[in-house]
Amino acid sequence: MNTRSDTAPPPIQKYPWARQVIAIAVILFLLLGGLEMGARTLTRQSANPTLYRITQDYGRLASRGPDWIRFVPDEELAYRLRPEFELNASQGGGKTIHNSEGFREEAPFPPKDGDTLRICCYGGSTTYGVGVESNNDTYPAQLEQTLWGAARGQGWERIEVFNLGVGGYTSREILGTMKRTIPLLKPDVVLIQNAINDVIPRFYPEFQADYSHFRTPFTPLTVSHWHKLLYRSHAWLTMAHGLGWIRPLSLQSQTQRPMPPVDEALVNLDANPTTAFEDNLRAEVALARESGAQVWLLTQPYLDVPDFAGPDADSRKLEGGYRKGLAQHTEVVVRLSKEMNTGLVPLHESMPRERAFYSDPIHMSAAGNQRKAALIADSMGPTLPKHPAPAN
């Protein structure tokens, strides 16, 4: 009897577990891909602006590295603008450019020319030009064009208007910037606009006149290859944000202590006086005067539009605190301009409250900066310093 089978035995599999591993890998890939797609849909449709900004900002950090951040540490002032930073505008052409000295200018500051009227503009983000992507659309750039004829009328051959604003700077940091730059730039005219940033320190407890109670050193992030991979994942960023592993990349989160609860912040605002802001502003005016410059103070307009206040009650209450503090600081600016006999451009009164001029309650659009420059020129143009008479 023949017991030999006519069928061949099954082939011996060298790696019997390979199919299972491949199947598990495919399943994991599909699950992770679906999770990532869901997270991206969530962040696009989420009403949480912080989560949206985190995914956008960390994505830029992954693609461009730390150079995407437009600030660097500064031992005295906590932070300053990154020198030679450059960012193309998302539309309409133009660029945001910082010069080698770390200010929003396209070229290094040239030596002072005796035939050139030099104007230096100091302030925070409203001077720097948050709200516009092109250097040419900031108010100092627009002012240079607007004042050209008035400068020629006073005997000057050229005019230079320098943008020395840094986003987030309070009067303390502005004073520090003036101490560094005025001896080097030797301006003929100094413009100062700051008020709302000094409201923020007043929201905090244990108030200190040097604002050390709220300011933290700026610490730049390091980005490894592993970080670059994680920062591109909306799913990971959403989880990390929820667990508190990462912080927003906003200037405020990197340079300020966490804000107290809103009700506590508003109590602190009433308890903390305006004296630190006033003292710094007095020192700024005195410093500019010592250099021989004509001084002009600019007040801060505010567009009170409901949709800017935020969707929840706490956001609306905090926005009211900002408006209250700004009004108090505006009173200080107006009073000091009279006491110290400076020029005053009351933009809080003269700037039109039209939505097209604002990118948010305090920052101007390109059209707004153009109008702002025109209002400043109308005020200061007739009183610009005359060109000094040639020596005999």
Protein backbone atom coordinates (compact mmCIF):
# COMPACT_ATOMS: atom_id res chain seq x y z
CA MET A 1 0.00 0.00 0.00
CA ASN A 2 1.43 3.36 -1.05
CA THR A 3 1.22 5.87 1.79
CA ARG A 4 3.01 8.63 -0.06
CA SER A 5 0.91 11.75 -0.31
CA ASP A 6 0.42 13.37 -3.65
CA THR A 7 0.36 16.84 -2.09
CA ALA A 8 3.57 18.71 -1.23
CA PRO A 9 4.01 19.90 2.34
CA PRO A 10 3.46 23.64 2.93
CA PRO A 11 6.59 25.74 2.57
CA ILE A 12 8.40 26.59 5.77
CA GLN A 13 8.02 30.30 6.51
CA LYS A 14 11.34 31.78 7.48
CA TYR A 15 9.72 34.71 9.35
CA PRO A 16 6.25 33.58 10.45
CA TRP A 17 5.72 36.78 12.45
CA ALA A 18 6.39 39.18 9.54
CA ARG A 19 2.82 39.35 8.34
CA GLN A 20 1.55 40.13 11.80
CA VAL A 21 4.11 42.90 12.26
CA ILE A 22 3.25 44.41 8.87
CA ALA A 23 -0.46 44.23 9.64
CA ILE A 24 0.02 45.92 13.01
CA ALA A 25 2.21 48.60 11.42
CA VAL A 26 -0.42 49.31 8.76
CA ILE A 27 -3.14 49.51 11.40
CA LEU A 28 -1.06 51.86 13.53
CA PHE A 29 -0.24 54.01 10.50
CA LEU A 30 -3.92 54.29 9.61
CA LEU A 31 -4.87 55.06 13.21
CA LEU A 32 -2.19 57.71 13.61
CA GLY A 33 -3.02 59.19 10.22
CA GLY A 34 -6.69 59.36 11.12
CA LEU A 35 -5.83 60.90 14.48
CA GLU A 36 -3.66 63.52 12.81
CA MET A 37 -6.33 64.38 10.24
CA GLY A 38 -8.89 64.67 13.02
CA ALA A 39 -6.60 66.92 15.03
CA ARG A 40 -6.00 69.20 12.05
CA THR A 41 -9.74 69.49 11.47
CA LEU A 42 -10.20 70.25 15.17
CA THR A 43 -7.60 73.00 15.25
CA ARG A 44 -8.99 74.63 12.11
CA GLN A 45 -12.52 74.67 13.49
CA SER A 46 -11.72 75.20 17.17
CA ALA A 47 -12.95 78.31 18.92
CA ASN A 48 -9.77 78.21 21.03
CA PRO A 49 -7.42 80.79 19.48
CA THR A 50 -4.53 79.66 21.69
CA LEU A 51 -4.63 76.13 20.30
CA TYR A 52 -4.75 77.42 16.73
CA ARG A 53 -1.78 79.72 17.32
CA ILE A 54 0.22 76.93 18.93
CA THR A 55 -0.17 74.66 15.90
CA GLN A 56 0.69 77.50 13.52
CA ASP A 57 3.64 78.86 15.47
CA TYR A 58 5.23 75.51 16.32
CA GLY A 59 4.81 74.47 12.70
CA ARG A 60 6.82 77.52 11.66
CA LEU A 61 9.37 76.74 14.35
CA ALA A 62 9.75 73.22 12.92
CA SER A 63 10.23 74.44 9.35
CA ARG A 64 12.39 77.51 10.00
CA GLY A 65 14.06 76.76 13.32
CA PRO A 66 14.57 79.29 16.13
CA ASP A 67 15.43 82.02 13.62
CA TRP A 68 11.70 82.27 12.98
CA ILE A 69 11.32 83.93 16.41
CA ARG A 70 11.87 87.65 15.94
CA PHE A 71 13.28 88.24 19.44
CA VAL A 72 16.52 87.38 21.23
CA PRO A 73 17.49 87.62 24.91
CA ASP A 74 18.83 90.86 26.32
CA GLU A 75 20.50 90.93 29.72
CA GLU A 76 19.16 94.36 30.70
CA LEU A 77 15.85 94.64 28.81
CA ALA A 78 14.80 90.94 28.94
CA TYR A 79 14.65 90.78 25.15
CA ARG A 80 15.17 92.78 21.98
CA LEU A 81 14.54 92.37 18.27
CA ARG A 82 16.57 89.76 16.43
CA PRO A 83 19.17 91.49 14.23
CA GLU A 84 18.85 90.83 10.48
CA PHE A 85 15.53 89.05 10.85
CA GLU A 86 13.58 88.81 7.57
CA LEU A 87 10.09 87.57 6.83
CA ASN A 88 8.27 87.82 3.52
CA ALA A 89 4.76 89.21 3.63
CA SER A 90 2.03 86.61 3.15
CA GLN A 91 0.41 88.75 0.48
CA GLY A 92 0.89 92.02 -1.33
CA GLY A 93 4.68 91.90 -1.36
CA GLY A 94 6.95 93.65 1.08
CA LYS A 95 8.93 92.29 4.00
CA THR A 96 9.45 92.61 7.70
CA ILE A 97 13.16 93.35 8.02
CA HIS A 98 15.38 94.11 11.02
CA ASN A 99 18.71 95.79 10.45
CA SER A 100 22.02 94.72 11.96
CA GLU A 101 21.35 96.83 15.07
CA GLY A 102 18.11 94.93 15.68
CA PHE A 103 15.44 97.46 14.74
CA ARG A 104 12.75 97.47 12.06
CA GLU A 105 14.84 99.20 9.45
CA GLU A 106 16.12 97.80 6.16
CA ALA A 107 19.68 99.13 6.49
CA PRO A 108 22.15 99.90 9.27
CA PHE A 109 21.88 103.35 10.77
CA PRO A 110 24.18 105.72 8.84
CA PRO A 111 26.39 108.33 10.52
CA LYS A 112 24.62 111.59 11.34
CA ASP A 113 24.68 114.01 8.42
CA GLY A 114 24.47 117.71 9.23
CA ASP A 115 22.11 118.32 6.31
CA THR A 116 19.70 115.54 7.30
CA LEU A 117 16.81 116.01 9.71
CA ARG A 118 16.81 112.90 11.89
CA ILE A 119 13.67 111.77 13.74
CA CYS A 120 13.66 108.78 16.11
CA CYS A 121 10.37 107.05 16.97
CA TYR A 122 10.29 105.12 20.25
CA GLY A 123 7.52 102.89 21.54
CA GLY A 124 6.10 99.40 21.63
CA SER A 125 4.24 97.37 19.04
CA THR A 126 2.25 100.36 17.76
CA THR A 127 5.55 101.93 16.71
CA TYR A 128 7.15 98.69 15.53
CA GLY A 129 4.11 98.11 13.33
CA VAL A 130 2.29 94.98 14.49
CA GLY A 131 -0.63 94.72 12.09
CA VAL A 132 1.38 95.36 8.92
CA GLU A 133 3.84 92.98 7.27
CA SER A 134 5.89 95.44 5.24
CA ASN A 135 8.36 97.88 6.76
CA ASN A 136 7.06 100.49 4.34
CA ASP A 137 3.61 100.37 5.94
CA THR A 138 4.72 101.28 9.47
CA TYR A 139 3.97 104.77 10.71
CA PRO A 140 7.65 105.87 10.90
CA ALA A 141 8.16 104.89 7.25
CA GLN A 142 5.00 106.73 6.26
CA LEU A 143 6.00 109.75 8.35
CA GLU A 144 9.31 110.03 6.51
CA GLN A 145 7.43 110.39 3.23
CA THR A 146 4.81 112.73 4.67
CA LEU A 147 7.27 115.15 6.32
CA TRP A 148 9.61 115.43 3.35
CA GLY A 149 8.19 118.73 2.13
CA ALA A 150 8.08 120.28 5.62
CA ALA A 151 11.72 119.31 6.23
CA ARG A 152 12.81 120.91 2.95
CA GLY A 153 10.91 124.01 3.96
CA GLN A 154 13.05 124.26 7.09
CA GLY A 155 16.25 124.07 5.07
CA TRP A 156 17.07 120.36 5.36
CA GLU A 157 18.26 118.48 2.31
CA ARG A 158 17.14 115.08 3.55
CA ILE A 159 15.00 113.48 6.25
CA GLU A 160 15.45 110.19 8.15
CA VAL A 161 12.72 108.73 10.35
CA PHE A 162 13.93 105.68 12.28
CA ASN A 163 11.66 103.02 13.76
CA LEU A 164 12.96 102.15 17.24
CA GLY A 165 9.79 100.47 18.49
CA VAL A 166 9.84 96.98 19.99
CA GLY A 167 6.68 94.98 20.53
CA GLY A 168 5.73 94.50 24.19
CA TYR A 169 8.09 97.15 25.55
CA THR A 170 6.88 99.12 28.54
CA SER A 171 8.14 102.59 29.41
CA ARG A 172 11.00 100.93 31.33
CA GLU A 173 12.37 99.16 28.25
CA ILE A 174 11.75 102.20 26.06
CA LEU A 175 13.83 104.30 28.45
CA GLY A 176 16.59 101.68 28.27
CA THR A 177 16.47 101.72 24.47
CA MET A 178 16.71 105.50 24.45
CA LYS A 179 19.73 105.42 26.73
CA ARG A 180 21.48 103.09 24.27
CA THR A 181 20.56 104.75 21.01
CA ILE A 182 20.19 108.49 21.50
CA PRO A 183 23.94 109.11 22.05
CA LEU A 184 24.67 107.15 18.87
CA LEU A 185 21.89 108.45 16.62
CA LYS A 186 21.85 112.11 17.81
CA PRO A 187 18.24 112.76 16.74
CA ASP A 188 16.87 116.23 16.06
CA VAL A 189 13.35 115.11 17.01
CA VAL A 190 12.17 112.31 19.31
CA LEU A 191 8.66 110.83 19.22
CA ILE A 192 7.44 108.64 22.09
CA GLN A 193 4.27 106.56 22.09
CA ASN A 194 3.60 104.22 24.96
CA ALA A 195 0.75 103.74 27.39
CA ILE A 196 -1.10 100.45 27.08
CA ASN A 197 1.86 98.13 27.70
CA ASP A 198 2.31 99.77 31.11
CA VAL A 199 -1.19 98.67 32.05
CA ILE A 200 -0.07 95.03 32.14
CA PRO A 201 2.34 95.29 35.13
CA ARG A 202 -0.49 96.88 37.11
CA PHE A 203 -2.54 93.68 36.77
CA TYR A 204 -0.01 91.79 38.93
CA PRO A 205 0.40 91.58 42.72
CA GLU A 206 3.49 92.72 44.64
CA PHE A 207 3.98 95.67 42.31
CA GLN A 208 7.55 96.89 41.76
CA ALA A 209 8.41 100.19 40.09
CA ASP A 210 11.00 98.50 37.85
CA TYR A 211 8.35 95.98 36.70
CA SER A 212 10.46 93.05 37.88
CA HIS A 213 7.35 91.57 39.51
CA PHE A 214 5.85 90.64 36.13
CA ARG A 215 8.72 90.42 33.65
CA THR A 216 10.65 87.19 33.05
CA PRO A 217 13.85 86.69 31.02
CA PHE A 218 13.33 85.64 27.44
CA THR A 219 14.57 82.09 26.91
CA PRO A 220 14.91 80.98 23.29
CA LEU A 221 13.82 77.46 22.38
CA THR A 222 16.17 74.82 21.02
CA VAL A 223 14.81 72.70 18.19
CA SER A 224 16.29 69.23 17.63
CA HIS A 225 15.41 66.93 14.75
CA TRP A 226 13.04 65.10 17.08
CA HIS A 227 11.34 68.39 17.99
CA LYS A 228 10.92 69.25 14.32
CA LEU A 229 9.04 65.99 13.79
CA LEU A 230 6.77 66.48 16.80
CA TYR A 231 6.09 70.16 16.09
CA ARG A 232 4.64 69.27 12.69
CA SER A 233 1.99 67.04 14.31
CA HIS A 234 -1.25 68.78 15.29
CA ALA A 235 -2.25 65.69 17.27
CA TRP A 236 0.89 65.81 19.41
CA LEU A 237 0.70 69.60 19.85
CA THR A 238 -2.94 69.38 20.92
CA MET A 239 -2.10 66.70 23.50
CA ALA A 240 1.04 68.50 24.71
CA HIS A 241 -0.87 71.75 25.12
CA GLY A 242 -3.62 70.01 27.06
CA LEU A 243 -1.08 68.39 29.39
CA GLY A 244 0.89 71.61 29.87
CA TRP A 245 4.05 70.28 28.23
CA ILE A 246 4.42 73.22 25.87
CA ARG A 247 3.61 76.92 26.11
CA PRO A 248 2.39 79.30 23.44
CA LEU A 249 5.12 81.06 21.50
CA SER A 250 3.52 84.46 21.98
CA LEU A 251 5.76 87.24 23.21
CA GLN A 252 3.66 87.55 26.36
CA SER A 253 4.02 83.89 27.35
CA GLN A 254 7.80 84.06 26.91
CA THR A 255 8.47 87.37 28.69
CA GLN A 256 5.75 87.72 31.34
CA ARG A 257 4.66 85.73 34.37
CA PRO A 258 1.24 84.08 34.05
CA MET A 259 -1.56 86.61 34.37
CA PRO A 260 -3.53 86.43 37.64
CA PRO A 261 -7.21 85.50 37.47
CA VAL A 262 -9.20 88.30 35.87
CA ASP A 263 -11.02 89.49 38.99
CA GLU A 264 -7.75 89.58 40.92
CA ALA A 265 -6.03 91.41 38.04
CA LEU A 266 -8.69 94.13 38.05
CA VAL A 267 -8.33 94.60 41.81
CA ASN A 268 -4.57 94.92 41.35
CA LEU A 269 -5.09 97.51 38.60
CA ASP A 270 -6.97 99.75 41.02
CA ALA A 271 -4.41 99.20 43.78
CA ASN A 272 -1.28 99.81 41.68
CA PRO A 273 -0.73 103.48 40.77
CA THR A 274 0.46 105.08 37.54
CA THR A 275 3.54 106.58 39.19
CA ALA A 276 6.07 104.16 37.65
CA PHE A 277 4.79 104.95 34.16
CA GLU A 278 4.90 108.68 34.91
CA ASP A 279 8.44 108.53 36.32
CA ASN A 280 9.71 106.63 33.28
CA LEU A 281 8.02 109.00 30.88
CA ARG A 282 9.54 112.01 32.65
CA ALA A 283 12.97 110.38 32.38
CA GLU A 284 12.44 109.69 28.67
CA VAL A 285 11.58 113.33 27.98
CA ALA A 286 14.52 114.57 30.04
CA LEU A 287 16.94 112.24 28.26
CA ALA A 288 15.80 113.36 24.82
CA ARG A 289 15.99 117.00 25.89
CA GLU A 290 19.54 116.57 27.17
CA SER A 291 20.58 115.52 23.68
CA GLY A 292 19.09 118.70 22.24
CA ALA A 293 16.17 116.97 20.53
CA GLN A 294 12.69 118.35 20.15
CA VAL A 295 10.27 116.01 21.95
CA TRP A 296 6.75 114.95 20.99
CA LEU A 297 4.47 112.66 22.97
CA LEU A 298 1.83 110.61 21.17
CA THR A 299 -1.29 109.31 22.86
CA GLN A 300 -2.78 105.93 22.00
CA PRO A 301 -6.12 105.58 20.17
CA TYR A 302 -8.32 102.60 20.93
CA LEU A 303 -11.02 101.08 18.76
CA ASP A 304 -13.84 99.82 20.97
CA VAL A 305 -15.39 97.10 18.84
CA PRO A 306 -17.31 94.26 20.57
CA ASP A 307 -15.86 91.46 18.44
CA PHE A 308 -12.35 92.33 19.64
CA ALA A 309 -13.25 91.79 23.30
CA GLY A 310 -13.38 87.98 23.14
CA PRO A 311 -16.15 85.43 23.40
CA ASP A 312 -16.26 84.92 27.18
CA ALA A 313 -17.08 87.13 30.16
CA ASP A 314 -13.52 87.09 31.55
CA SER A 315 -12.09 88.31 28.23
CA ARG A 316 -14.59 91.16 28.13
CA LYS A 317 -13.81 92.13 31.73
CA LEU A 318 -10.06 92.11 31.08
CA GLU A 319 -10.56 94.18 27.94
CA GLY A 320 -12.40 96.70 30.09
CA GLY A 321 -9.40 96.78 32.43
CA TYR A 322 -7.09 97.55 29.53
CA ARG A 323 -9.34 100.42 28.43
CA LYS A 324 -9.50 101.80 31.98
CA GLY A 325 -5.74 101.66 32.46
CA LEU A 326 -5.09 103.16 29.05
CA ALA A 327 -7.37 106.10 29.82
CA GLN A 328 -5.45 106.73 33.06
CA HIS A 329 -2.11 106.64 31.27
CA THR A 330 -3.41 108.90 28.52
CA GLU A 331 -4.23 111.47 31.21
CA VAL A 332 -0.62 111.19 32.41
CA VAL A 333 0.74 111.74 28.89
CA VAL A 334 -1.44 114.81 28.30
CA ARG A 335 -0.60 116.32 31.70
CA LEU A 336 3.15 115.74 31.35
CA SER A 337 3.20 117.26 27.87
CA LYS A 338 1.88 120.48 29.43
CA GLU A 339 4.12 120.38 32.51
CA MET A 340 7.28 119.61 30.52
CA ASN A 341 6.31 121.72 27.50
CA THR A 342 6.65 118.98 24.91
CA GLY A 343 4.76 118.64 21.69
CA LEU A 344 1.61 116.52 21.88
CA VAL A 345 -0.21 114.57 19.19
CA PRO A 346 -3.56 113.60 20.78
CA LEU A 347 -4.25 110.57 18.63
CA HIS A 348 -6.80 109.34 21.18
CA GLU A 349 -8.94 112.24 20.00
CA SER A 350 -7.93 112.79 16.39
CA MET A 351 -7.53 109.26 15.01
CA PRO A 352 -10.77 108.20 13.27
CA ARG A 353 -12.58 105.21 14.82
CA GLU A 354 -13.03 103.37 11.54
CA ARG A 355 -12.54 99.61 11.34
CA ALA A 356 -10.52 99.86 8.13
CA PHE A 357 -7.77 101.73 10.01
CA TYR A 358 -7.26 99.04 12.69
CA SER A 359 -6.03 95.46 12.70
CA ASP A 360 -7.16 95.14 16.34
CA PRO A 361 -8.15 97.65 19.07
CA ILE A 362 -4.72 99.32 19.26
CA HIS A 363 -2.71 98.32 16.16
CA MET A 364 -3.10 100.05 12.83
CA SER A 365 -3.56 98.64 9.38
CA ALA A 366 -1.51 100.06 6.51
CA ALA A 367 -4.25 102.64 5.90
CA GLY A 368 -4.32 103.42 9.61
CA ASN A 369 -0.57 104.02 9.78
CA GLN A 370 -0.81 106.29 6.78
CA ARG A 371 -3.53 108.35 8.49
CA LYS A 372 -1.59 108.30 11.75
CA ALA A 373 1.51 109.66 10.01
CA ALA A 374 -0.58 112.41 8.39
CA LEU A 375 -2.00 113.47 11.76
CA ILE A 376 1.48 113.56 13.31
CA ALA A 377 2.81 115.57 10.37
CA ASP A 378 -0.05 118.05 10.68
CA SER A 379 0.85 118.65 14.33
CA MET A 380 4.63 118.76 14.18
CA GLY A 381 5.33 119.82 10.60
CA PRO A 382 5.04 123.60 11.18
CA THR A 383 7.37 123.44 14.21
CA LEU A 384 10.14 121.20 12.90
CA PRO A 385 13.64 122.38 13.87
CA LYS A 386 15.25 124.66 11.35
CA HIS A 387 18.47 123.66 9.68
CA PRO A 388 21.31 125.25 11.67
CA ALA A 389 22.90 128.20 9.96
CA PRO A 390 26.33 127.49 8.50
CA ALA A 391 29.26 128.51 10.68
CA ASN A 392 30.96 131.76 9.68
